[in-house]
């Protein structure tokens, strides 16, 4: 390995983080609105929506991601291994993101086929862009503290994307379409596609790959896969990533149903009115007039703001106590506030908002650590096997992300169908309402708690982090 300065400028950290801001304009939209888009806007049944999200998502997870990872690790250009992928996929990703949320006037069968094709292409280009982007964090610096810092920048950007999508987007969709959500979402996705493309190009222009394998380091796909199988921390992180994104997809995709069908609208309007008046005085009038859209936006805003506060604490805590310990502790605490949602009445608006804020704060501390831990796993693999295969390790994590997103999203629509949810109905049965409550509380809590248990078997603690960093620095020098 070539060893040069591992310090990153603020410009490069910001430039790198814009790539995640762009990707999450797509990812957060998928996680928050894809199920709702298919069932309540595009007009697909919950069963067909569930099948599409599961089957296409698993194909993307177990076929697209490993192939992209293998190809990226073997890419050799003057720009490096991973940056060229960001460049060539920036425009196609924006175009297909728009098409995936377009509603052509086809027959029902035509709609199903169109959804399958566009969702497949979207996940293909997302993998081709975001997997090399994620792997770039493993070669942009080998300094553990700089990597923790980079992750914090990156996930503050993620929170900004999440803030827009979850706080303002539903109201903007309804407003842009004058009540027609199909027209509104097409207009919104057009703007997001343009902005996202520009941000990805900035990421390409402002970053640099510093950890470069020696020319004599060559490995076959078989050797790379063999290294993975011997890498127990990688197996645990793959499982953990899958579980985390099952929870995020399930609860994230269920909140809109929770607000539209369970939360008391009159009580919600009374609760948020003083907040809206204060925001209006300082020029923030972007929540819309519909109490459900405004309440949903403010609910998400509270969680995201305190997630960002949590993110700012993450680096120092991880530097002092180690990533594993901090991740496990605060993932557990955040789960308790997910479980609490099952016990709130429709009129307990204050408790609903407060629980979301506390969940956001404690979960926020864990957010930068997941990808930093995966980069550590890539270092662990190099330390153990004396070969570096960054992208294949990150591709495996993307398998977990896509599998988790697909399973969580599919479970959302599957459970909605099981509990006899009726799209766009003003009245739902008690059975359906109970299903919606479970989807934002008990069901998503189970994967998080399982992930906490797995971390007891993850052996890259603070002491091991320091040893790996020192040994690899000596080798690269």
Protein backbone atom coordinates (compact mmCIF):
# COMPACT_ATOMS: atom_id res chain seq x y z
CA UNK A 1 0.00 0.00 0.00
CA UNK A 2 1.10 3.57 -0.63
CA UNK A 3 1.01 5.60 2.55
CA UNK A 4 0.56 9.35 2.21
CA UNK A 5 -1.09 11.96 4.43
CA UNK A 6 -4.37 10.59 5.74
CA UNK A 7 -5.75 13.94 6.93
CA UNK A 8 -8.82 15.20 5.10
CA UNK A 9 -9.69 18.83 4.44
CA UNK A 10 -13.12 20.18 5.36
CA UNK A 11 -13.72 20.72 1.64
CA UNK A 12 -13.16 17.05 0.90
CA UNK A 13 -15.32 15.92 3.83
CA UNK A 14 -18.17 18.14 2.64
CA UNK A 15 -17.68 17.07 -0.97
CA UNK A 16 -17.78 13.42 0.02
CA UNK A 17 -20.86 13.93 2.20
CA UNK A 18 -22.80 15.48 -0.70
CA UNK A 19 -22.75 12.06 -2.35
CA UNK A 20 -24.73 10.61 0.54
CA UNK A 21 -27.06 13.60 0.51
CA UNK A 22 -27.81 12.84 -3.15
CA UNK A 23 -28.17 9.10 -2.65
CA UNK A 24 -30.48 9.59 0.31
CA UNK A 25 -32.84 11.79 -1.64
CA UNK A 26 -33.52 8.51 -3.45
CA UNK A 27 -33.08 6.09 -0.55
CA UNK A 28 -35.20 8.02 1.96
CA UNK A 29 -37.95 8.39 -0.62
CA UNK A 30 -37.91 4.63 -1.21
CA UNK A 31 -37.94 3.88 2.51
CA UNK A 32 -40.63 6.40 3.43
CA UNK A 33 -42.96 6.49 0.44
CA UNK A 34 -42.48 3.50 -1.88
CA UNK A 35 -45.11 1.31 -0.18
CA UNK A 36 -47.47 4.29 0.11
CA UNK A 37 -46.78 5.26 -3.53
CA UNK A 38 -47.58 1.77 -4.80
CA UNK A 39 -50.75 1.26 -2.73
CA UNK A 40 -52.30 4.72 -2.38
CA UNK A 41 -50.99 6.66 -5.42
CA UNK A 42 -50.17 4.18 -8.17
CA UNK A 43 -53.05 1.87 -7.30
CA UNK A 44 -51.33 -1.50 -6.85
CA UNK A 45 -52.70 -3.99 -4.33
CA UNK A 46 -50.75 -4.50 -1.08
CA UNK A 47 -50.02 -8.09 -2.16
CA UNK A 48 -48.54 -7.12 -5.55
CA UNK A 49 -46.63 -4.25 -3.94
CA UNK A 50 -45.17 -6.65 -1.38
CA UNK A 51 -44.10 -9.16 -4.03
CA UNK A 52 -42.46 -6.50 -6.23
CA UNK A 53 -40.55 -4.92 -3.35
CA UNK A 54 -39.38 -8.28 -2.00
CA UNK A 55 -38.44 -10.12 -5.19
CA UNK A 56 -36.80 -7.19 -7.01
CA UNK A 57 -35.10 -6.07 -3.82
CA UNK A 58 -33.60 -9.49 -3.13
CA UNK A 59 -32.41 -9.82 -6.73
CA UNK A 60 -30.68 -6.46 -6.36
CA UNK A 61 -29.22 -7.46 -3.01
CA UNK A 62 -27.83 -10.87 -3.93
CA UNK A 63 -26.98 -10.34 -7.63
CA UNK A 64 -26.41 -6.65 -8.40
CA UNK A 65 -24.35 -5.80 -5.32
CA UNK A 66 -21.81 -8.66 -5.42
CA UNK A 67 -21.26 -8.14 -9.16
CA UNK A 68 -20.71 -4.39 -8.72
CA UNK A 69 -18.40 -5.05 -5.77
CA UNK A 70 -16.27 -7.51 -7.74
CA UNK A 71 -16.07 -5.16 -10.74
CA UNK A 72 -15.28 -2.10 -8.63
CA UNK A 73 -12.41 -3.82 -6.81
CA UNK A 74 -10.91 -4.63 -10.22
CA UNK A 75 -11.43 -1.20 -11.76
CA UNK A 76 -8.17 0.59 -12.59
CA UNK A 77 -8.25 4.18 -13.85
CA UNK A 78 -6.29 7.39 -13.33
CA UNK A 79 -9.13 8.48 -11.00
CA UNK A 80 -8.93 5.37 -8.84
CA UNK A 81 -11.20 2.37 -8.40
CA UNK A 82 -14.39 3.86 -7.05
CA UNK A 83 -14.67 7.52 -8.10
CA UNK A 84 -15.28 6.69 -11.80
CA UNK A 85 -18.41 4.74 -10.86
CA UNK A 86 -19.82 7.82 -9.14
CA UNK A 87 -19.18 9.86 -12.29
CA UNK A 88 -20.72 7.53 -14.87
CA UNK A 89 -23.85 6.67 -12.86
CA UNK A 90 -24.78 10.17 -11.66
CA UNK A 91 -27.10 11.05 -14.57
CA UNK A 92 -28.68 7.58 -15.13
CA UNK A 93 -29.53 7.33 -11.42
CA UNK A 94 -31.35 10.67 -11.51
CA UNK A 95 -33.33 9.74 -14.63
CA UNK A 96 -34.48 6.34 -13.39
CA UNK A 97 -35.36 7.75 -9.94
CA UNK A 98 -37.82 10.06 -11.69
CA UNK A 99 -39.26 7.29 -13.88
CA UNK A 100 -39.77 4.97 -10.89
CA UNK A 101 -42.17 7.48 -9.31
CA UNK A 102 -43.98 8.35 -12.55
CA UNK A 103 -47.56 7.10 -12.99
CA UNK A 104 -48.25 6.27 -16.67
CA UNK A 105 -51.84 5.50 -17.57
CA UNK A 106 -51.43 1.77 -18.22
CA UNK A 107 -53.76 -1.13 -17.56
CA UNK A 108 -53.34 -2.77 -14.16
CA UNK A 109 -51.08 -5.45 -15.65
CA UNK A 110 -49.10 -2.76 -17.45
CA UNK A 111 -48.67 -0.89 -14.16
CA UNK A 112 -47.30 -4.00 -12.50
CA UNK A 113 -44.79 -4.58 -15.34
CA UNK A 114 -43.77 -0.90 -15.34
CA UNK A 115 -43.23 -0.99 -11.57
CA UNK A 116 -41.08 -4.13 -11.83
CA UNK A 117 -38.92 -2.71 -14.66
CA UNK A 118 -38.38 0.75 -13.15
CA UNK A 119 -37.74 -0.54 -9.64
CA UNK A 120 -35.24 -3.08 -10.97
CA UNK A 121 -33.35 -0.42 -12.94
CA UNK A 122 -33.44 1.97 -10.00
CA UNK A 123 -31.86 -0.58 -7.67
CA UNK A 124 -29.28 -1.52 -10.32
CA UNK A 125 -28.09 2.07 -10.79
CA UNK A 126 -28.33 2.77 -7.06
CA UNK A 127 -26.01 -0.18 -6.39
CA UNK A 128 -23.64 0.91 -9.18
CA UNK A 129 -23.41 4.37 -7.63
CA UNK A 130 -23.77 3.94 -3.88
CA UNK A 131 -21.67 0.81 -3.40
CA UNK A 132 -18.48 2.35 -4.89
CA UNK A 133 -19.34 5.57 -3.03
CA UNK A 134 -19.50 3.67 0.27
CA UNK A 135 -16.31 1.75 -0.52
CA UNK A 136 -14.60 5.08 -1.20
CA UNK A 137 -14.77 5.83 2.55
CA UNK A 138 -12.52 2.81 3.12
CA UNK A 139 -9.74 4.14 0.86
CA UNK A 140 -10.09 7.89 1.25
CA UNK A 141 -8.21 7.64 4.58
CA UNK A 142 -6.74 4.95 6.83
CA UNK A 143 -6.79 7.16 9.93
CA UNK A 144 -9.48 5.81 12.31
CA UNK A 145 -10.25 9.21 13.85
CA UNK A 146 -10.45 10.86 10.43
CA UNK A 147 -12.76 8.02 9.35
CA UNK A 148 -15.02 8.66 12.35
CA UNK A 149 -15.01 12.37 11.47
CA UNK A 150 -15.82 11.65 7.82
CA UNK A 151 -18.70 9.43 8.88
CA UNK A 152 -20.09 12.24 11.03
CA UNK A 153 -19.99 14.69 8.10
CA UNK A 154 -21.53 12.07 5.87
CA UNK A 155 -24.43 11.29 8.13
CA UNK A 156 -25.22 14.89 8.92
CA UNK A 157 -25.78 15.11 5.15
CA UNK A 158 -27.95 12.00 5.36
CA UNK A 159 -30.04 13.69 8.03
CA UNK A 160 -30.58 16.75 5.84
CA UNK A 161 -31.87 14.51 3.04
CA UNK A 162 -34.02 12.62 5.51
CA UNK A 163 -35.29 15.91 6.93
CA UNK A 164 -36.51 17.11 3.56
CA UNK A 165 -38.07 13.81 2.52
CA UNK A 166 -39.78 13.00 5.81
CA UNK A 167 -40.67 16.51 6.97
CA UNK A 168 -41.65 18.51 3.89
CA UNK A 169 -42.14 16.08 1.04
CA UNK A 170 -45.69 14.86 1.74
CA UNK A 171 -46.99 18.42 2.04
CA UNK A 172 -45.06 19.54 -1.06
CA UNK A 173 -46.38 16.57 -3.06
CA UNK A 174 -49.99 17.48 -2.22
CA UNK A 175 -49.37 21.17 -2.87
CA UNK A 176 -47.43 20.71 -6.14
CA UNK A 177 -50.17 18.49 -7.53
CA UNK A 178 -53.05 20.66 -6.24
CA UNK A 179 -54.31 17.62 -4.37
CA UNK A 180 -53.29 15.14 -7.09
CA UNK A 181 -50.50 13.18 -5.41
CA UNK A 182 -49.48 11.44 -8.66
CA UNK A 183 -48.71 14.75 -10.39
CA UNK A 184 -47.16 16.17 -7.25
CA UNK A 185 -44.68 13.35 -6.73
CA UNK A 186 -43.55 13.53 -10.38
CA UNK A 187 -42.80 17.24 -10.04
CA UNK A 188 -40.92 16.76 -6.78
CA UNK A 189 -38.84 13.85 -8.12
CA UNK A 190 -37.87 15.89 -11.20
CA UNK A 191 -36.29 18.56 -9.00
CA UNK A 192 -34.64 16.00 -6.72
CA UNK A 193 -33.15 14.13 -9.70
CA UNK A 194 -31.46 17.30 -10.98
CA UNK A 195 -30.11 18.32 -7.56
CA UNK A 196 -28.88 14.79 -6.79
CA UNK A 197 -27.02 14.51 -10.08
CA UNK A 198 -25.16 17.78 -9.47
CA UNK A 199 -24.17 16.71 -5.95
CA UNK A 200 -22.75 13.39 -7.15
CA UNK A 201 -20.61 15.20 -9.71
CA UNK A 202 -19.26 17.44 -6.93
CA UNK A 203 -18.37 14.34 -4.90
CA UNK A 204 -16.37 12.97 -7.83
CA UNK A 205 -14.50 16.26 -8.28
CA UNK A 206 -13.60 16.90 -4.63
CA UNK A 207 -12.44 13.48 -3.35
CA UNK A 208 -9.24 11.46 -3.65
CA UNK A 209 -8.35 7.80 -3.13
CA UNK A 210 -5.28 7.48 -0.86
CA UNK A 211 -5.11 3.79 0.05
CA UNK A 212 -3.93 2.20 -3.19
CA UNK A 213 -3.16 -1.55 -3.37
CA UNK A 214 0.32 -2.49 -4.58
CA UNK A 215 0.42 -3.62 -8.22
CA UNK A 216 1.53 -7.09 -7.12
CA UNK A 217 -1.53 -7.51 -4.88
CA UNK A 218 -3.91 -9.59 -6.92
CA UNK A 219 -6.61 -11.94 -5.76
CA UNK A 220 -9.23 -14.03 -7.46
CA UNK A 221 -12.95 -13.72 -6.78
CA UNK A 222 -12.69 -17.08 -5.04
CA UNK A 223 -9.97 -15.76 -2.70
CA UNK A 224 -12.00 -12.65 -1.95
CA UNK A 225 -15.07 -14.73 -1.07
CA UNK A 226 -12.94 -17.10 0.99
CA UNK A 227 -11.57 -14.13 2.95
CA UNK A 228 -15.13 -13.01 3.65
CA UNK A 229 -16.18 -16.38 5.00
CA UNK A 230 -13.26 -16.39 7.45
CA UNK A 231 -14.02 -12.83 8.56
CA UNK A 232 -16.42 -13.28 11.50
CA UNK A 233 -16.83 -9.51 12.13
CA UNK A 234 -17.97 -9.21 8.50
CA UNK A 235 -20.62 -11.92 8.99
CA UNK A 236 -21.90 -10.13 12.06
CA UNK A 237 -21.94 -6.73 10.32
CA UNK A 238 -23.79 -8.21 7.33
CA UNK A 239 -26.45 -9.58 9.67
CA UNK A 240 -26.57 -6.37 11.70
CA UNK A 241 -26.95 -4.19 8.60
CA UNK A 242 -29.82 -6.35 7.35
CA UNK A 243 -31.61 -6.16 10.70
CA UNK A 244 -31.12 -2.39 11.04
CA UNK A 245 -32.60 -1.68 7.62
CA UNK A 246 -35.51 -4.07 8.15
CA UNK A 247 -36.45 -1.89 11.11
CA UNK A 248 -35.85 1.41 9.31
CA UNK A 249 -37.89 0.34 6.28
CA UNK A 250 -40.73 -1.07 8.35
CA UNK A 251 -41.24 1.82 10.74
CA UNK A 252 -40.28 4.49 8.18
CA UNK A 253 -42.79 3.17 5.66
CA UNK A 254 -45.53 2.74 8.28
CA UNK A 255 -45.61 6.19 9.90
CA UNK A 256 -47.61 7.72 7.05
CA UNK A 257 -50.31 5.06 7.53
CA UNK A 258 -50.15 5.66 11.29
CA UNK A 259 -50.85 9.38 10.89
CA UNK A 260 -53.50 9.01 8.20
CA UNK A 261 -55.46 6.23 9.90
CA UNK A 262 -54.71 6.16 13.66
CA UNK A 263 -53.70 9.54 15.07
CA UNK A 264 -56.67 11.72 16.09
CA UNK A 265 -56.75 14.51 13.49
CA UNK A 266 -58.53 17.12 15.63
CA UNK A 267 -56.17 16.62 18.55
CA UNK A 268 -53.21 16.64 16.17
CA UNK A 269 -54.35 19.95 14.65
CA UNK A 270 -54.68 21.52 18.13
CA UNK A 271 -51.26 20.25 19.18
CA UNK A 272 -49.33 21.49 16.14
CA UNK A 273 -51.13 24.83 15.71
CA UNK A 274 -48.91 26.78 18.18
CA UNK A 275 -45.80 25.24 16.60
CA UNK A 276 -46.95 26.23 13.10
CA UNK A 277 -47.67 29.79 14.27
CA UNK A 278 -44.16 30.16 15.69
CA UNK A 279 -42.60 28.71 12.52
CA UNK A 280 -44.75 30.98 10.37
CA UNK A 281 -43.38 34.06 12.16
CA UNK A 282 -39.83 33.11 11.18
CA UNK A 283 -40.77 32.35 7.58
CA UNK A 284 -41.17 28.58 7.71
CA UNK A 285 -44.49 28.01 5.97
CA UNK A 286 -43.69 24.77 4.16
CA UNK A 287 -45.75 22.24 6.10
CA UNK A 288 -49.00 22.65 4.16
CA UNK A 289 -52.53 23.23 5.44
CA UNK A 290 -53.50 19.58 5.87
CA UNK A 291 -53.08 18.65 9.58
CA UNK A 292 -51.98 15.12 8.70
CA UNK A 293 -49.23 16.32 6.34
CA UNK A 294 -48.15 19.07 8.74
CA UNK A 295 -48.26 16.78 11.78
CA UNK A 296 -46.41 14.02 9.96
CA UNK A 297 -43.75 16.51 8.89
CA UNK A 298 -43.30 18.01 12.36
CA UNK A 299 -43.21 14.54 13.92
CA UNK A 300 -40.37 13.53 11.60
CA UNK A 301 -38.68 16.92 12.05
CA UNK A 302 -38.40 16.44 15.80
CA UNK A 303 -36.84 13.01 15.37
CA UNK A 304 -34.39 14.14 12.72
CA UNK A 305 -33.26 17.29 14.55
CA UNK A 306 -32.40 15.23 17.59
CA UNK A 307 -30.78 12.56 15.40
CA UNK A 308 -28.41 15.27 14.21
CA UNK A 309 -27.69 16.20 17.83
CA UNK A 310 -26.93 12.52 18.49
CA UNK A 311 -24.64 12.35 15.48
CA UNK A 312 -22.56 15.22 16.82
CA UNK A 313 -21.88 13.22 19.99
CA UNK A 314 -21.02 10.01 18.16
CA UNK A 315 -17.38 10.65 17.24
CA UNK A 316 -16.14 11.56 20.71
CA UNK A 317 -17.98 8.68 22.34
CA UNK A 318 -16.64 6.21 19.74
CA UNK A 319 -13.09 7.56 20.08
CA UNK A 320 -13.22 7.08 23.84
CA UNK A 321 -15.17 3.84 24.28
CA UNK A 322 -15.01 2.13 20.87
CA UNK A 323 -17.59 1.87 18.13
CA UNK A 324 -19.01 -1.50 19.12
CA UNK A 325 -19.87 -0.56 22.71
CA UNK A 326 -21.46 2.77 21.82
CA UNK A 327 -23.42 1.31 18.92
CA UNK A 328 -24.90 -1.53 20.98
CA UNK A 329 -25.79 0.59 24.01
CA UNK A 330 -27.60 3.34 22.16
CA UNK A 331 -29.30 1.03 19.66
CA UNK A 332 -30.87 -0.73 22.65
CA UNK A 333 -32.01 2.50 24.32
CA UNK A 334 -33.49 3.83 21.05
CA UNK A 335 -35.50 0.62 20.64
CA UNK A 336 -37.34 1.21 23.90
CA UNK A 337 -38.89 4.35 22.43
CA UNK A 338 -40.04 2.43 19.34
CA UNK A 339 -41.86 -0.10 21.54
CA UNK A 340 -43.60 2.74 23.38
CA UNK A 341 -45.67 3.62 20.29
CA UNK A 342 -47.89 0.58 20.75
CA UNK A 343 -49.20 1.93 24.06
CA UNK A 344 -50.09 5.48 22.97
CA UNK A 345 -53.74 6.39 22.42
CA UNK A 346 -54.70 8.29 19.23
CA UNK A 347 -55.06 11.48 21.30
CA UNK A 348 -51.71 11.23 23.13
CA UNK A 349 -50.01 13.49 20.59
CA UNK A 350 -47.45 14.88 23.05
CA UNK A 351 -46.24 11.42 24.04
CA UNK A 352 -46.07 10.36 20.39
CA UNK A 353 -43.88 13.34 19.48
CA UNK A 354 -41.73 13.08 22.61
CA UNK A 355 -41.04 9.38 22.05
CA UNK A 356 -40.00 10.12 18.47
CA UNK A 357 -37.61 12.83 19.66
CA UNK A 358 -35.94 10.54 22.20
CA UNK A 359 -35.73 7.68 19.73
CA UNK A 360 -34.14 10.03 17.19
CA UNK A 361 -31.55 11.30 19.67
CA UNK A 362 -30.35 7.89 20.87
CA UNK A 363 -30.48 6.28 17.43
CA UNK A 364 -28.60 9.26 15.98
CA UNK A 365 -25.54 8.37 18.06
CA UNK A 366 -25.34 5.01 16.24
CA UNK A 367 -25.82 6.32 12.70
CA UNK A 368 -22.23 7.29 11.77
CA UNK A 369 -20.82 4.18 13.42
CA UNK A 370 -22.37 1.53 11.15
CA UNK A 371 -20.41 2.45 8.02
CA UNK A 372 -17.29 3.32 10.02
CA UNK A 373 -17.45 -0.20 11.52
CA UNK A 374 -17.76 -1.69 8.04
CA UNK A 375 -14.63 0.22 6.97
CA UNK A 376 -12.96 -1.23 10.06
CA UNK A 377 -13.99 -4.70 8.87
CA UNK A 378 -12.22 -4.00 5.56
CA UNK A 379 -9.10 -3.07 7.55
CA UNK A 380 -9.51 -6.21 9.66
CA UNK A 381 -9.64 -8.32 6.49
CA UNK A 382 -6.44 -6.71 5.19
CA UNK A 383 -4.79 -7.11 8.60
CA UNK A 384 -5.78 -10.78 8.75
CA UNK A 385 -5.19 -11.83 5.11
CA UNK A 386 -2.59 -9.27 3.91
CA UNK A 387 -4.87 -8.50 0.96
CA UNK A 388 -7.32 -5.62 0.64
CA UNK A 389 -10.70 -6.10 -1.02
CA UNK A 390 -12.64 -3.01 0.02
CA UNK A 391 -15.53 -3.05 -2.45
CA UNK A 392 -16.42 -6.72 -2.02
CA UNK A 393 -16.71 -6.13 1.74
CA UNK A 394 -18.85 -3.04 1.22
CA UNK A 395 -20.90 -4.86 -1.43
CA UNK A 396 -21.74 -7.47 1.16
CA UNK A 397 -22.94 -4.70 3.44
CA UNK A 398 -25.00 -3.30 0.58
CA UNK A 399 -26.50 -6.79 0.27
CA UNK A 400 -27.58 -6.37 3.87
CA UNK A 401 -28.91 -2.87 3.24
CA UNK A 402 -30.89 -3.86 0.15
CA UNK A 403 -32.11 -7.10 1.70
CA UNK A 404 -33.19 -5.22 4.82
CA UNK A 405 -34.92 -2.50 2.82
CA UNK A 406 -36.67 -5.08 0.66
CA UNK A 407 -37.73 -7.33 3.52
CA UNK A 408 -38.84 -4.41 5.69
CA UNK A 409 -40.78 -2.73 2.89
CA UNK A 410 -42.31 -6.01 1.80
CA UNK A 411 -43.31 -6.88 5.37
CA UNK A 412 -45.03 -3.48 5.65
CA UNK A 413 -47.32 -4.10 2.68
CA UNK A 414 -47.67 -7.80 3.54
CA UNK A 415 -48.87 -7.02 7.06
CA UNK A 416 -51.17 -4.29 5.75
CA UNK A 417 -52.79 -6.90 3.53
CA UNK A 418 -52.92 -9.44 6.36
CA UNK A 419 -54.62 -6.94 8.67
CA UNK A 420 -57.12 -6.04 5.89
CA UNK A 421 -56.00 -2.45 5.35
CA UNK A 422 -58.10 -0.69 2.67
CA UNK A 423 -56.13 1.99 0.70
CA UNK A 424 -57.61 5.53 0.75
CA UNK A 425 -60.49 4.46 3.00
CA UNK A 426 -61.71 6.96 5.60
CA UNK A 427 -62.58 4.14 8.00
CA UNK A 428 -60.41 1.13 8.87
CA UNK A 429 -61.38 -1.87 10.99
CA UNK A 430 -60.03 -2.28 14.52
CA UNK A 431 -58.02 -5.24 13.20
CA UNK A 432 -56.36 -3.01 10.57
CA UNK A 433 -55.68 -0.27 13.10
CA UNK A 434 -54.01 -2.73 15.45
CA UNK A 435 -51.85 -3.92 12.55
CA UNK A 436 -50.73 -0.35 11.84
CA UNK A 437 -49.84 0.13 15.52
CA UNK A 438 -47.76 -3.06 15.48
CA UNK A 439 -45.99 -1.90 12.32
CA UNK A 440 -44.60 1.21 14.04
CA UNK A 441 -43.74 -0.44 17.35
CA UNK A 442 -43.42 -4.14 18.15
CA UNK A 443 -42.55 -5.49 14.70
CA UNK A 444 -39.68 -3.04 13.97
CA UNK A 445 -38.32 -3.37 17.52
CA UNK A 446 -37.56 -7.09 17.06
CA UNK A 447 -34.76 -6.68 14.44
CA UNK A 448 -33.10 -3.88 16.45
CA UNK A 449 -33.00 -6.01 19.61
CA UNK A 450 -31.63 -8.96 17.65
CA UNK A 451 -28.88 -6.69 16.31
CA UNK A 452 -27.94 -5.63 19.84
CA UNK A 453 -27.53 -9.29 20.79
CA UNK A 454 -25.27 -9.92 17.77
CA UNK A 455 -22.83 -7.21 18.84
CA UNK A 456 -21.81 -9.28 21.86
CA UNK A 457 -20.02 -11.55 19.33
CA UNK A 458 -18.32 -8.70 17.38
CA UNK A 459 -14.67 -8.73 18.46
CA UNK A 460 -13.33 -5.46 16.98
CA UNK A 461 -13.40 -3.49 20.21
CA UNK A 462 -11.47 -0.30 21.03
CA UNK A 463 -8.23 -2.17 21.80
CA UNK A 464 -8.39 -4.14 18.53
CA UNK A 465 -9.14 -0.97 16.53
CA UNK A 466 -5.92 0.65 17.81
CA UNK A 467 -3.84 -2.46 17.10
CA UNK A 468 -5.16 -2.86 13.55
CA UNK A 469 -4.57 0.81 12.74
CA UNK A 470 -0.98 0.72 14.04
CA UNK A 471 -0.09 -2.54 12.27
CA UNK A 472 -1.54 -1.44 8.92
CA UNK A 473 0.16 1.94 9.14
CA UNK A 474 3.49 0.20 9.64
CA UNK A 475 2.88 -2.14 6.70
CA UNK A 476 1.81 0.66 4.35
CA UNK A 477 4.82 2.78 5.30
